[in-house]
Amino acid sequence: MKYSKNNLTRSFTTHFIFLILLPFLVISSFLLHISYISSRDDNKRLHMDFTSQVAYNINQQFTFAQNIPRLVLLNDSIIDFFSKPYQDKIDLEYYRTQIYDYSKITSGISSDMKLRMYIENETIPSGFGMFYHLSNILHIPSIQSFYEDEAQDSCWLDASSITSENFYADALSLYNIDSFCFMTKIYNDAEPIGIVLSYLPKHLLNLSATGSFNSNVQCVIDNFKLYYNFTSKTLSSDELDTIYQRTDTFYTNKHYVASKHTYPTHPFEIIIITSPFSNQPFNILLLLIFIVFIFILFLFFILYNCKLIHDIHYCLDALDESIQNNFTTTLHLNRSDEIFHISSRINYLIEKIRNLISVTIKQEVSAKENQLIALQHQINPHFLYNTMDIFSARMEINELYEESDAMTCFCSMLRYNINSNQMLATIADELAQVTHYITIQKLREIDIVLITNISEELVHIPIIKFILQPIVENSFKYRKLDSTLVISIKIFEDNRLIYFKIQDNGTGLSEDKLAELNQSFSSSYSALSKSYHHIGLSNINDRLKLFYGPSHHIVASMEDGQTTFTFSIPIK
């Protein structure tokens, strides 16, 4: 019988995929996902650490531009000066030495941020490159709307958005349109009397130009949106606008990381763009290692699978071969795992089956030989019985009663041995044969005492025939001639076993003889090699082991000076 290997291969492959490969893929995917999240978080952390510094520097520029005019207006003397009429001789020196010097020092002599004051009081002359009349700029719509709006105290203005004709460029000082202006109203008793304007040149917001960062930063200023591109790629206006539209505080993809920074005190939005931290080489290396690992794992699985299936089918084929060869072949595997133990169990099973077949054959042969012997002894048995009855009757006529009883016992033993084709008899039948044999032996004028000890519930237990009488017969061979022969038969049950103990007070057995007998009793079967002209101890011992198993053999011993033969049979 041949077995298909496809079933085992398919089963092993399915279990490998679902129990090893898929869980490994899921775990690896999860780890890659965790790696991606960790990389994204690292990008965010590094980006925010860097951009917080950038945004802080830029915010400082705007904050400084806002603080200059507010700081100037903290001086009440300036407010009083702008509010009252100007007197040439009295106020000129004060105007030149106090008002101008204070404003100039406050705004910073070396600062690139310019400070301009536009006042309604036209009695005060324009001058010093800092003080102008409000009428010079009030016609500009954005400035006019701011000044007339009572709800606004200050605001930012993009100089590039001012498009007006016929204004005094020197007075406004906005000819350089690349700047942002911060305007603050000048109040006197809650009434506006002018505007302080400080403007911040846009080139100060270019980090590369100012040397704030030693890198080639792309700086794009679009109205109040400031883009700082720290990547190596120059981005177009459309790309910057796309980033602005998609950026909500923080945004990242495989090309860049962007964040938006806003401040409640000024209207500027700062968008900072950096290159992402790339772990792509590491991921590629990890993927290659994963692929190689999976390939090696699958290769080892296939090799192990083939070897395992080969050994399993070797066991099956060898078992089939052993069955075909009457269990004469055994398995040989060079392994140390469970497959080896399975093959060992199969070998053990083959050996047990081989022994069982041998025992069965011996039982059948023994039974057939017994039948042949029985047939040989059945030659005209009725004639033999009738002749024995005639002898017994003649003995009674001649008052030979003891001889007549012995002849009757002898006839019973012949019928027991010849007429029955059954291998089993009851314990009671076996004891009766012992009684008949002793009755016959009494004709030899031998003093004999038979002691039996058996419970009533055991007398009907079936056992194989011709077990007790041959052992009792052996007692007569080794009796003491000068004393009464005492034979004791004790039969009892213990733990589902029936024990037979036959003792006699004969000449006894030496230690060497006991060892020789027990060695013979416990050895392999010898019944087939014995002659069946007589039934001896070896014949009984071999039949016990054949029918009840190898452990049920005779044990010879000396107990209290008496020769003792003991054996047991299971209750069936």
Protein backbone atom coordinates (compact mmCIF):
# COMPACT_ATOMS: atom_id res chain seq x y z
CA MET A 1 0.00 0.00 0.00
CA LYS A 2 1.44 3.39 -1.06
CA TYR A 3 0.57 6.68 0.57
CA SER A 4 0.30 10.07 -1.10
CA LYS A 5 2.73 12.70 0.13
CA ASN A 6 0.52 15.56 -1.05
CA ASN A 7 -1.75 15.46 1.99
CA LEU A 8 1.09 15.92 4.49
CA THR A 9 2.81 18.54 2.32
CA ARG A 10 -0.41 20.49 1.94
CA SER A 11 -1.13 20.24 5.66
CA PHE A 12 2.38 21.32 6.68
CA THR A 13 2.40 24.17 4.17
CA THR A 14 -1.00 25.40 5.34
CA HIS A 15 0.08 25.32 8.98
CA PHE A 16 3.34 27.07 8.08
CA ILE A 17 1.50 29.86 6.27
CA PHE A 18 -1.20 30.43 8.87
CA LEU A 19 0.77 29.73 12.05
CA ILE A 20 4.21 31.14 11.13
CA LEU A 21 4.29 33.19 7.95
CA LEU A 22 1.11 35.25 8.40
CA PRO A 23 1.77 36.06 12.08
CA PHE A 24 5.32 37.04 11.14
CA LEU A 25 4.04 39.30 8.37
CA VAL A 26 1.47 40.87 10.69
CA ILE A 27 4.07 41.47 13.39
CA SER A 28 6.56 42.84 10.86
CA SER A 29 3.93 45.13 9.39
CA PHE A 30 3.04 46.32 12.85
CA LEU A 31 6.71 46.99 13.64
CA LEU A 32 7.15 48.86 10.35
CA HIS A 33 4.06 50.89 11.18
CA ILE A 34 5.46 51.65 14.63
CA SER A 35 8.74 52.60 12.97
CA TYR A 36 6.89 54.94 10.63
CA ILE A 37 4.98 56.55 13.51
CA SER A 38 8.21 56.89 15.48
CA SER A 39 9.94 58.44 12.48
CA ARG A 40 7.03 60.81 11.99
CA ASP A 41 7.11 61.80 15.65
CA ASP A 42 10.86 62.30 15.46
CA ASN A 43 10.38 64.46 12.39
CA LYS A 44 7.80 66.50 14.22
CA ARG A 45 9.93 66.85 17.33
CA LEU A 46 13.09 67.80 15.43
CA HIS A 47 11.15 70.14 13.18
CA MET A 48 9.36 71.85 16.05
CA ASP A 49 12.59 72.20 18.02
CA PHE A 50 14.21 73.85 15.04
CA THR A 51 11.27 75.99 13.90
CA SER A 52 10.55 77.27 17.40
CA GLN A 53 13.93 78.95 17.32
CA VAL A 54 13.36 80.31 13.82
CA ALA A 55 9.88 81.57 14.67
CA TYR A 56 11.19 83.11 17.87
CA ASN A 57 13.85 85.10 16.02
CA ILE A 58 11.35 86.38 13.48
CA ASN A 59 8.80 87.18 16.16
CA GLN A 60 11.44 89.21 17.93
CA GLN A 61 11.77 91.41 14.84
CA PHE A 62 8.03 92.12 14.74
CA THR A 63 7.83 92.63 18.48
CA PHE A 64 10.72 95.09 18.39
CA ALA A 65 9.06 96.98 15.52
CA GLN A 66 5.88 97.26 17.62
CA ASN A 67 7.64 98.26 20.83
CA ILE A 68 9.62 101.20 19.36
CA PRO A 69 6.65 103.58 18.82
CA ARG A 70 5.00 102.49 22.06
CA LEU A 71 8.19 103.19 23.94
CA VAL A 72 8.43 106.70 22.42
CA LEU A 73 4.84 107.48 23.37
CA LEU A 74 5.51 106.66 27.00
CA ASN A 75 7.17 110.08 27.27
CA ASP A 76 4.49 112.58 28.28
CA SER A 77 6.71 115.49 27.24
CA ILE A 78 6.46 114.40 23.59
CA ILE A 79 2.66 114.23 23.81
CA ASP A 80 2.51 117.72 25.36
CA PHE A 81 4.87 119.11 22.75
CA PHE A 82 2.76 117.74 19.87
CA SER A 83 -0.45 119.09 21.44
CA LYS A 84 0.36 122.79 22.01
CA PRO A 85 1.18 125.46 19.43
CA TYR A 86 4.79 125.72 18.37
CA GLN A 87 6.82 128.87 19.17
CA ASP A 88 9.94 129.30 17.11
CA LYS A 89 12.36 130.80 19.55
CA ILE A 90 11.10 129.04 22.62
CA ASP A 91 10.51 125.51 21.30
CA LEU A 92 13.19 125.09 18.64
CA GLU A 93 16.01 124.22 21.01
CA TYR A 94 13.72 121.94 23.05
CA TYR A 95 12.50 120.36 19.84
CA ARG A 96 16.03 119.71 18.61
CA THR A 97 17.67 118.58 21.84
CA GLN A 98 14.90 116.89 23.76
CA ILE A 99 12.20 115.57 21.44
CA TYR A 100 14.41 114.47 18.56
CA ASP A 101 17.22 113.09 20.69
CA TYR A 102 14.83 111.03 22.81
CA SER A 103 13.04 109.63 19.76
CA LYS A 104 16.30 108.83 18.04
CA ILE A 105 17.79 107.09 21.06
CA THR A 106 14.59 105.13 21.65
CA SER A 107 14.37 103.87 18.08
CA GLY A 108 18.04 102.96 18.11
CA ILE A 109 20.79 104.76 16.31
CA SER A 110 22.06 101.65 14.51
CA SER A 111 18.69 100.02 13.95
CA ASP A 112 17.55 99.31 10.42
CA MET A 113 14.02 99.97 11.54
CA LYS A 114 13.00 103.53 10.72
CA LEU A 115 10.71 105.58 12.96
CA ARG A 116 8.44 108.31 11.55
CA MET A 117 5.95 110.58 13.40
CA TYR A 118 3.04 112.24 11.57
CA ILE A 119 1.20 114.87 13.67
CA GLU A 120 -1.86 117.03 13.08
CA ASN A 121 -0.23 120.11 14.64
CA GLU A 122 1.12 121.78 11.51
CA THR A 123 2.66 124.60 13.53
CA ILE A 124 5.42 122.19 14.36
CA PRO A 125 7.83 122.20 11.46
CA SER A 126 8.78 118.96 9.67
CA GLY A 127 12.36 117.96 10.04
CA PHE A 128 15.15 115.84 11.30
CA GLY A 129 14.02 113.03 8.92
CA MET A 130 11.59 111.89 11.56
CA PHE A 131 8.79 114.41 12.11
CA TYR A 132 6.16 115.09 9.40
CA HIS A 133 2.68 116.49 9.07
CA LEU A 134 -0.18 114.02 9.04
CA SER A 135 -1.69 115.69 5.98
CA ASN A 136 1.19 114.37 3.89
CA ILE A 137 -0.05 110.75 4.23
CA LEU A 138 -3.69 111.02 5.25
CA HIS A 139 -4.85 110.94 1.64
CA ILE A 140 -3.62 107.30 1.43
CA PRO A 141 -6.82 105.20 1.79
CA SER A 142 -5.40 102.52 4.07
CA ILE A 143 -3.88 105.11 6.42
CA GLN A 144 -6.97 107.30 6.35
CA SER A 145 -9.30 104.41 7.18
CA PHE A 146 -7.04 103.38 10.04
CA TYR A 147 -6.85 106.89 11.48
CA GLU A 148 -10.61 107.40 11.31
CA ASP A 149 -11.41 104.02 12.84
CA GLU A 150 -11.95 104.66 16.52
CA ALA A 151 -11.77 100.92 17.32
CA GLN A 152 -8.21 100.62 16.05
CA ASP A 153 -5.23 101.89 17.99
CA SER A 154 -2.56 100.19 15.92
CA CYS A 155 -2.15 98.02 12.83
CA TRP A 156 0.37 96.53 10.43
CA LEU A 157 0.65 97.68 6.83
CA ASP A 158 2.44 96.14 3.86
CA ALA A 159 4.19 98.97 2.11
CA SER A 160 3.98 97.17 -1.22
CA SER A 161 0.19 97.36 -1.05
CA ILE A 162 0.15 101.19 -0.94
CA THR A 163 -0.52 102.51 -4.44
CA SER A 164 -1.11 106.26 -4.32
CA GLU A 165 -0.04 109.16 -6.48
CA ASN A 166 1.09 112.65 -5.53
CA PHE A 167 2.32 111.80 -2.08
CA TYR A 168 5.55 113.00 -0.62
CA ALA A 169 7.92 110.07 -0.74
CA ASP A 170 10.44 111.75 1.50
CA ALA A 171 7.82 112.47 4.07
CA LEU A 172 6.31 109.03 3.95
CA SER A 173 9.67 107.35 3.54
CA LEU A 174 8.00 104.36 1.93
CA TYR A 175 9.75 104.55 -1.33
CA ASN A 176 11.42 101.29 -0.39
CA ILE A 177 8.29 99.23 -0.64
CA ASP A 178 10.02 96.07 0.60
CA SER A 179 9.03 96.68 4.18
CA PHE A 180 6.24 96.24 6.70
CA CYS A 181 4.90 99.24 8.59
CA PHE A 182 3.50 99.28 12.11
CA MET A 183 1.25 102.26 12.82
CA THR A 184 0.22 103.47 16.28
CA LYS A 185 -2.05 106.45 17.01
CA ILE A 186 -0.81 109.32 19.20
CA TYR A 187 -3.45 110.29 21.76
CA ASN A 188 -3.93 113.38 23.90
CA ASP A 189 -6.78 113.02 26.34
CA ALA A 190 -8.29 110.22 24.24
CA GLU A 191 -8.14 112.35 21.10
CA PRO A 192 -5.84 111.21 18.26
CA ILE A 193 -3.33 113.86 17.33
CA GLY A 194 -1.11 111.84 14.98
CA ILE A 195 0.46 108.56 13.99
CA VAL A 196 3.77 106.96 14.89
CA LEU A 197 4.96 104.68 12.12
CA SER A 198 7.88 102.24 12.31
CA TYR A 199 8.71 100.10 9.34
CA LEU A 200 10.55 96.82 9.21
CA PRO A 201 12.56 96.14 6.04
CA LYS A 202 11.69 92.81 4.55
CA HIS A 203 15.33 91.94 4.02
CA LEU A 204 15.65 91.70 7.83
CA LEU A 205 13.28 88.76 7.65
CA ASN A 206 15.58 86.86 5.28
CA LEU A 207 17.51 84.60 7.62
CA SER A 208 20.29 83.93 5.14
CA ALA A 209 20.83 87.63 4.50
CA THR A 210 20.94 88.46 8.18
CA GLY A 211 23.27 85.55 8.94
CA SER A 212 20.87 84.11 11.51
CA PHE A 213 21.34 80.64 9.99
CA ASN A 214 24.33 79.45 8.08
CA SER A 215 22.31 77.94 5.25
CA ASN A 216 20.80 78.85 1.94
CA VAL A 217 17.23 79.50 3.06
CA GLN A 218 14.55 80.24 0.50
CA CYS A 219 12.57 83.17 1.93
CA VAL A 220 9.30 84.13 0.21
CA ILE A 221 7.14 86.97 1.57
CA ASP A 222 3.60 87.00 0.20
CA ASN A 223 1.58 89.78 1.85
CA PHE A 224 1.58 88.77 5.52
CA LYS A 225 2.63 85.16 4.84
CA LEU A 226 6.32 84.38 5.35
CA TYR A 227 7.67 81.17 3.86
CA TYR A 228 11.02 79.79 5.03
CA ASN A 229 12.17 76.82 2.98
CA PHE A 230 15.12 75.00 4.57
CA THR A 231 15.02 72.13 2.07
CA SER A 232 17.46 71.73 -0.80
CA LYS A 233 14.68 72.15 -3.36
CA THR A 234 13.46 75.59 -4.41
CA LEU A 235 9.68 75.67 -4.27
CA SER A 236 7.48 77.57 -6.69
CA SER A 237 4.71 79.94 -5.67
CA ASP A 238 2.09 77.33 -6.47
CA GLU A 239 3.88 74.73 -4.37
CA LEU A 240 4.17 77.18 -1.48
CA ASP A 241 0.50 78.03 -1.76
CA THR A 242 -0.37 74.33 -1.79
CA ILE A 243 1.65 73.83 1.39
CA TYR A 244 -0.09 76.80 2.99
CA GLN A 245 -3.52 75.42 2.10
CA ARG A 246 -2.67 71.94 3.48
CA THR A 247 -0.74 73.04 6.53
CA ASP A 248 -2.77 73.12 9.73
CA THR A 249 -0.20 73.89 12.42
CA PHE A 250 1.84 70.81 11.36
CA TYR A 251 2.00 68.72 8.20
CA THR A 252 4.43 66.10 6.93
CA ASN A 253 4.92 63.86 3.93
CA LYS A 254 7.85 62.05 2.34
CA HIS A 255 9.18 65.27 0.71
CA TYR A 256 9.02 67.87 3.48
CA VAL A 257 7.81 68.78 6.95
CA ALA A 258 5.89 72.06 7.33
CA SER A 259 4.44 73.97 10.25
CA LYS A 260 2.46 77.19 10.59
CA HIS A 261 3.08 79.71 13.34
CA THR A 262 0.67 82.55 14.16
CA TYR A 263 0.72 85.23 16.85
CA PRO A 264 -2.23 87.10 18.36
CA THR A 265 -0.30 90.41 18.55
CA HIS A 266 0.47 90.73 14.83
CA PRO A 267 -1.15 89.38 11.66
CA PHE A 268 1.82 87.52 10.22
CA GLU A 269 1.75 83.80 9.48
CA ILE A 270 5.12 82.06 9.41
CA ILE A 271 5.35 78.81 7.40
CA ILE A 272 8.59 76.91 7.97
CA ILE A 273 9.49 74.02 5.67
CA THR A 274 12.25 71.51 6.46
CA SER A 275 13.46 68.24 5.01
CA PRO A 276 12.11 65.13 6.73
CA PHE A 277 14.40 62.86 8.62
CA SER A 278 14.77 59.97 6.18
CA ASN A 279 15.10 56.40 7.38
CA GLN A 280 14.43 55.01 3.93
CA PRO A 281 17.86 53.27 3.65
CA PHE A 282 17.22 51.60 6.98
CA ASN A 283 13.73 50.52 5.87
CA ILE A 284 15.10 49.15 2.60
CA LEU A 285 17.80 47.24 4.48
CA LEU A 286 15.19 45.96 6.91
CA LEU A 287 12.99 44.86 4.02
CA LEU A 288 15.87 43.04 2.32
CA ILE A 289 16.77 41.29 5.57
CA PHE A 290 13.14 40.34 5.99
CA ILE A 291 12.93 38.91 2.46
CA VAL A 292 16.16 36.93 2.91
CA PHE A 293 14.98 35.67 6.28
CA ILE A 294 11.66 34.54 4.84
CA PHE A 295 13.41 32.82 1.94
CA ILE A 296 15.82 30.98 4.26
CA LEU A 297 12.99 30.10 6.62
CA PHE A 298 10.89 28.73 3.78
CA LEU A 299 13.88 26.81 2.37
CA PHE A 300 14.61 25.18 5.72
CA PHE A 301 10.93 24.42 6.11
CA ILE A 302 10.79 22.70 2.72
CA LEU A 303 13.92 20.65 3.46
CA TYR A 304 12.70 19.66 6.90
CA ASN A 305 9.24 18.97 5.53
CA CYS A 306 10.63 16.67 2.82
CA LYS A 307 12.84 14.80 5.31
CA LEU A 308 10.00 14.43 7.80
CA ILE A 309 7.52 13.22 5.18
CA HIS A 310 10.12 10.85 3.75
CA ASP A 311 10.71 9.26 7.18
CA ILE A 312 7.00 9.02 7.89
CA HIS A 313 6.38 7.25 4.59
CA TYR A 314 9.39 5.05 5.22
CA CYS A 315 7.70 3.94 8.45
CA LEU A 316 4.46 3.23 6.60
CA ASP A 317 6.15 1.39 3.73
CA ALA A 318 8.36 -0.61 6.11
CA LEU A 319 5.28 -1.58 8.13
CA ASP A 320 3.53 -2.75 4.94
CA GLU A 321 6.63 -4.73 3.98
CA SER A 322 6.76 -6.29 7.43
CA ILE A 323 3.09 -7.28 7.17
CA GLN A 324 3.71 -8.89 3.78
CA ASN A 325 6.75 -10.77 5.15
CA ASN A 326 4.94 -12.10 8.23
CA PHE A 327 6.44 -9.42 10.51
CA THR A 328 10.02 -10.50 9.95
CA THR A 329 11.42 -7.06 9.01
CA THR A 330 12.00 -4.09 11.31
CA LEU A 331 12.42 -0.31 10.89
CA HIS A 332 15.76 1.52 11.03
CA LEU A 333 15.80 5.33 11.37
CA ASN A 334 18.75 7.58 12.18
CA ARG A 335 16.78 10.15 14.17
CA SER A 336 16.40 11.21 17.80
CA ASP A 337 12.94 12.81 17.79
CA GLU A 338 9.35 11.58 18.03
CA ILE A 339 9.55 9.86 14.62
CA PHE A 340 12.31 7.64 16.02
CA HIS A 341 10.13 6.79 19.03
CA ILE A 342 7.23 5.98 16.71
CA SER A 343 9.48 3.63 14.71
CA SER A 344 10.65 2.05 18.01
CA ARG A 345 7.04 1.48 19.02
CA ILE A 346 6.33 -0.05 15.61
CA ASN A 347 9.33 -2.37 16.01
CA TYR A 348 8.09 -3.30 19.48
CA LEU A 349 4.63 -3.99 18.04
CA ILE A 350 6.12 -6.12 15.25
CA GLU A 351 8.11 -8.11 17.83
CA LYS A 352 4.97 -8.65 19.96
CA ILE A 353 2.97 -9.76 16.91
CA ARG A 354 5.82 -12.10 15.89
CA ASN A 355 5.85 -13.67 19.37
CA LEU A 356 2.06 -13.89 19.40
CA ILE A 357 2.09 -15.67 16.04
CA SER A 358 4.77 -18.05 17.36
CA VAL A 359 2.73 -18.79 20.49
CA THR A 360 -0.44 -19.29 18.43
CA ILE A 361 1.34 -21.69 16.11
CA LYS A 362 2.71 -23.62 19.06
CA GLN A 363 -0.73 -23.75 20.64
CA GLU A 364 -2.29 -25.05 17.44
CA VAL A 365 0.47 -27.63 16.94
CA SER A 366 0.24 -28.72 20.55
CA ALA A 367 -3.54 -29.06 20.28
CA LYS A 368 -3.26 -31.10 17.07
CA GLU A 369 -0.66 -33.39 18.58
CA ASN A 370 -2.83 -33.87 21.64
CA GLN A 371 -5.73 -34.72 19.34
CA LEU A 372 -3.55 -37.24 17.48
CA ILE A 373 -2.47 -38.80 20.75
CA ALA A 374 -6.10 -38.93 21.87
CA LEU A 375 -7.07 -40.57 18.58
CA GLN A 376 -4.30 -43.12 18.95
CA HIS A 377 -5.62 -44.02 22.41
CA GLN A 378 -9.22 -44.39 21.18
CA ILE A 379 -8.66 -47.73 19.51
CA ASN A 380 -11.80 -49.66 20.46
CA PRO A 381 -12.13 -47.96 23.89
CA HIS A 382 -15.44 -49.71 24.67
CA PHE A 383 -13.73 -53.04 24.41
CA LEU A 384 -11.09 -51.82 26.85
CA TYR A 385 -13.66 -50.44 29.32
CA ASN A 386 -15.76 -53.61 29.18
CA THR A 387 -12.68 -55.75 29.80
CA MET A 388 -11.71 -53.59 32.80
CA ASP A 389 -15.27 -53.91 34.17
CA ILE A 390 -15.03 -57.70 33.87
CA PHE A 391 -11.74 -57.69 35.80
CA SER A 392 -13.29 -55.45 38.48
CA ALA A 393 -16.34 -57.71 38.80
CA ARG A 394 -14.20 -60.80 39.10
CA MET A 395 -12.15 -59.09 41.82
CA GLU A 396 -15.27 -58.30 43.81
CA ILE A 397 -16.42 -61.93 43.47
CA ASN A 398 -13.10 -63.03 44.87
CA GLU A 399 -13.47 -60.43 47.64
CA LEU A 400 -10.59 -58.31 46.29
CA TYR A 401 -12.40 -55.10 47.02
CA GLU A 402 -9.36 -52.84 47.23
CA GLU A 403 -8.11 -54.05 43.87
CA SER A 404 -11.61 -53.66 42.44
CA ASP A 405 -11.76 -50.03 43.59
CA ALA A 406 -8.32 -49.36 42.09
CA MET A 407 -9.45 -50.90 38.80
CA THR A 408 -12.54 -48.68 38.83
CA CYS A 409 -10.39 -45.59 39.44
CA PHE A 410 -8.10 -46.63 36.63
CA CYS A 411 -11.09 -46.90 34.26
CA SER A 412 -12.26 -43.41 35.27
CA MET A 413 -8.82 -41.96 34.57
CA LEU A 414 -8.77 -43.62 31.15
CA ARG A 415 -12.18 -42.20 30.28
CA TYR A 416 -11.04 -38.72 31.48
CA ASN A 417 -7.93 -38.93 29.35
CA ILE A 418 -9.29 -40.59 26.23
CA ASN A 419 -12.96 -39.79 25.76
CA SER A 420 -12.86 -35.99 26.20
CA ASN A 421 -11.78 -33.78 23.31
CA GLN A 422 -11.86 -30.65 25.47
CA MET A 423 -8.63 -28.96 26.64
CA LEU A 424 -10.32 -27.50 29.75
CA ALA A 425 -11.74 -29.12 32.87
CA THR A 426 -12.82 -27.86 36.28
CA ILE A 427 -10.57 -27.81 39.32
CA ALA A 428 -12.91 -30.39 40.84
CA ASP A 429 -12.27 -32.75 37.90
CA GLU A 430 -8.52 -32.33 38.29
CA LEU A 431 -8.73 -33.09 42.05
CA ALA A 432 -10.80 -36.19 41.27
CA GLN A 433 -8.02 -37.45 39.01
CA VAL A 434 -5.57 -36.98 41.87
CA THR A 435 -7.84 -39.01 44.17
CA HIS A 436 -8.14 -41.82 41.59
CA TYR A 437 -4.35 -41.90 41.16
CA ILE A 438 -3.71 -42.15 44.90
CA THR A 439 -6.29 -44.96 45.17
CA ILE A 440 -4.36 -46.91 42.55
CA GLN A 441 -1.02 -46.20 44.30
CA LYS A 442 -2.38 -47.62 47.56
CA LEU A 443 -2.22 -51.08 45.98
CA ARG A 444 1.56 -50.73 46.43
CA GLU A 445 0.95 -50.65 50.18
CA ILE A 446 2.34 -47.13 50.47
CA ASP A 447 1.22 -44.98 53.38
CA ILE A 448 -0.27 -41.93 51.78
CA VAL A 449 -2.02 -38.89 53.27
CA LEU A 450 -3.67 -36.37 50.89
CA ILE A 451 -4.61 -32.95 52.29
CA THR A 452 -6.63 -30.55 50.11
CA ASN A 453 -7.47 -26.96 50.98
CA ILE A 454 -9.82 -25.16 48.56
CA SER A 455 -12.92 -22.99 48.90
CA GLU A 456 -16.21 -24.05 47.34
CA GLU A 457 -16.40 -21.06 44.94
CA LEU A 458 -13.18 -22.17 43.20
CA VAL A 459 -13.96 -25.82 42.44
CA HIS A 460 -15.90 -24.98 39.28
CA ILE A 461 -13.25 -22.68 37.79
CA PRO A 462 -12.07 -24.12 34.42
CA ILE A 463 -8.37 -24.86 33.92
CA ILE A 464 -6.40 -26.78 31.32
CA LYS A 465 -6.40 -30.57 31.88
CA PHE A 466 -3.63 -32.81 33.26
CA ILE A 467 -2.11 -30.17 35.59
CA LEU A 468 -2.29 -31.59 39.13
CA GLN A 469 -1.96 -35.38 38.71
CA PRO A 470 1.51 -35.31 37.04
CA ILE A 471 2.88 -33.16 39.88
CA VAL A 472 1.40 -35.58 42.49
CA GLU A 473 2.90 -38.45 40.51
CA ASN A 474 6.29 -36.72 40.80
CA SER A 475 5.90 -36.83 44.61
CA PHE A 476 5.84 -40.64 44.55
CA LYS A 477 9.12 -40.74 42.64
CA TYR A 478 10.94 -38.81 45.37
CA ARG A 479 9.17 -40.12 48.51
CA LYS A 480 10.97 -41.34 51.61
CA LEU A 481 10.68 -45.10 51.92
CA ASP A 482 10.63 -45.17 55.71
CA SER A 483 7.86 -42.65 56.38
CA THR A 484 4.31 -41.78 55.39
CA LEU A 485 4.04 -39.70 52.21
CA VAL A 486 2.07 -36.54 52.97
CA ILE A 487 0.84 -34.57 49.95
CA SER A 488 -0.79 -31.17 50.45
CA ILE A 489 -2.72 -29.30 47.75
CA LYS A 490 -3.72 -25.71 48.55
CA ILE A 491 -5.73 -23.65 46.07
CA PHE A 492 -6.63 -20.01 46.84
CA GLU A 493 -7.46 -16.70 45.08
CA ASP A 494 -5.51 -13.46 45.39
CA ASN A 495 -5.93 -10.32 43.24
CA ARG A 496 -7.85 -12.08 40.44
CA LEU A 497 -5.30 -14.90 40.30
CA ILE A 498 -5.79 -18.51 41.42
CA TYR A 499 -2.69 -19.92 43.10
CA PHE A 500 -1.88 -23.66 43.23
CA LYS A 501 0.59 -24.87 45.86
CA ILE A 502 1.51 -28.63 45.89
CA GLN A 503 3.81 -29.81 48.68
CA ASP A 504 5.19 -33.19 49.75
CA ASN A 505 7.54 -34.43 52.47
CA GLY A 506 9.78 -36.36 50.11
CA THR A 507 13.55 -36.42 49.88
CA GLY A 508 13.59 -32.73 48.83
CA LEU A 509 15.67 -30.82 46.30
CA SER A 510 19.13 -29.33 46.61
CA GLU A 511 19.88 -25.67 45.93
CA ASP A 512 21.52 -26.56 42.61
CA LYS A 513 18.56 -28.69 41.57
CA LEU A 514 16.11 -25.93 42.51
CA ALA A 515 18.10 -23.38 40.48
CA GLU A 516 18.23 -25.76 37.52
CA LEU A 517 14.49 -26.43 37.66
CA ASN A 518 13.51 -22.76 38.01
CA GLN A 519 15.86 -21.81 35.18
CA SER A 520 14.17 -24.46 33.01
CA PHE A 521 10.66 -23.39 34.06
CA SER A 522 11.23 -19.69 33.29
CA SER A 523 13.01 -20.31 29.97
CA SER A 524 11.38 -20.56 26.53
CA TYR A 525 8.93 -23.28 25.55
CA SER A 526 10.08 -26.88 25.35
CA ALA A 527 6.83 -28.79 24.94
CA LEU A 528 7.27 -29.47 21.25
CA SER A 529 10.65 -31.07 21.79
CA LYS A 530 9.35 -33.43 24.51
CA SER A 531 8.13 -36.91 23.97
CA TYR A 532 4.42 -37.42 24.55
CA HIS A 533 4.79 -40.95 25.88
CA HIS A 534 4.57 -39.39 29.37
CA ILE A 535 3.41 -36.07 30.81
CA GLY A 536 6.00 -34.51 33.10
CA LEU A 537 6.68 -31.22 34.84
CA SER A 538 8.13 -29.63 31.70
CA ASN A 539 4.98 -30.51 29.78
CA ILE A 540 2.79 -28.89 32.45
CA ASN A 541 5.02 -25.82 32.62
CA ASP A 542 5.03 -25.30 28.84
CA ARG A 543 1.26 -25.69 28.57
CA LEU A 544 0.75 -23.17 31.38
CA LYS A 545 2.88 -20.58 29.56
CA LEU A 546 1.23 -21.32 26.21
CA PHE A 547 -2.30 -20.85 27.45
CA TYR A 548 -1.89 -18.31 30.25
CA GLY A 549 1.21 -16.37 29.27
CA PRO A 550 4.97 -16.50 29.95
CA SER A 551 4.61 -15.20 33.51
CA HIS A 552 2.45 -18.18 34.55
CA HIS A 553 5.11 -20.87 35.02
CA ILE A 554 5.98 -23.29 37.82
CA VAL A 555 8.20 -22.12 40.65
CA ALA A 556 10.02 -24.80 42.69
CA SER A 557 11.11 -24.14 46.27
CA MET A 558 11.72 -25.73 49.66
CA GLU A 559 9.39 -24.51 52.44
CA ASP A 560 9.80 -25.94 55.97
CA GLY A 561 11.66 -28.94 54.55
CA GLN A 562 8.91 -29.73 52.05
CA THR A 563 9.25 -29.78 48.28
CA THR A 564 6.88 -27.12 46.94
CA PHE A 565 5.64 -26.42 43.42
CA THR A 566 3.65 -23.22 42.93
CA PHE A 567 1.98 -21.66 39.89
CA SER A 568 -0.93 -19.32 39.17
CA ILE A 569 -3.56 -18.84 36.48
CA PRO A 570 -5.80 -15.83 35.80
CA ILE A 571 -9.53 -16.00 36.39
CA LYS A 572 -11.34 -15.90 33.05
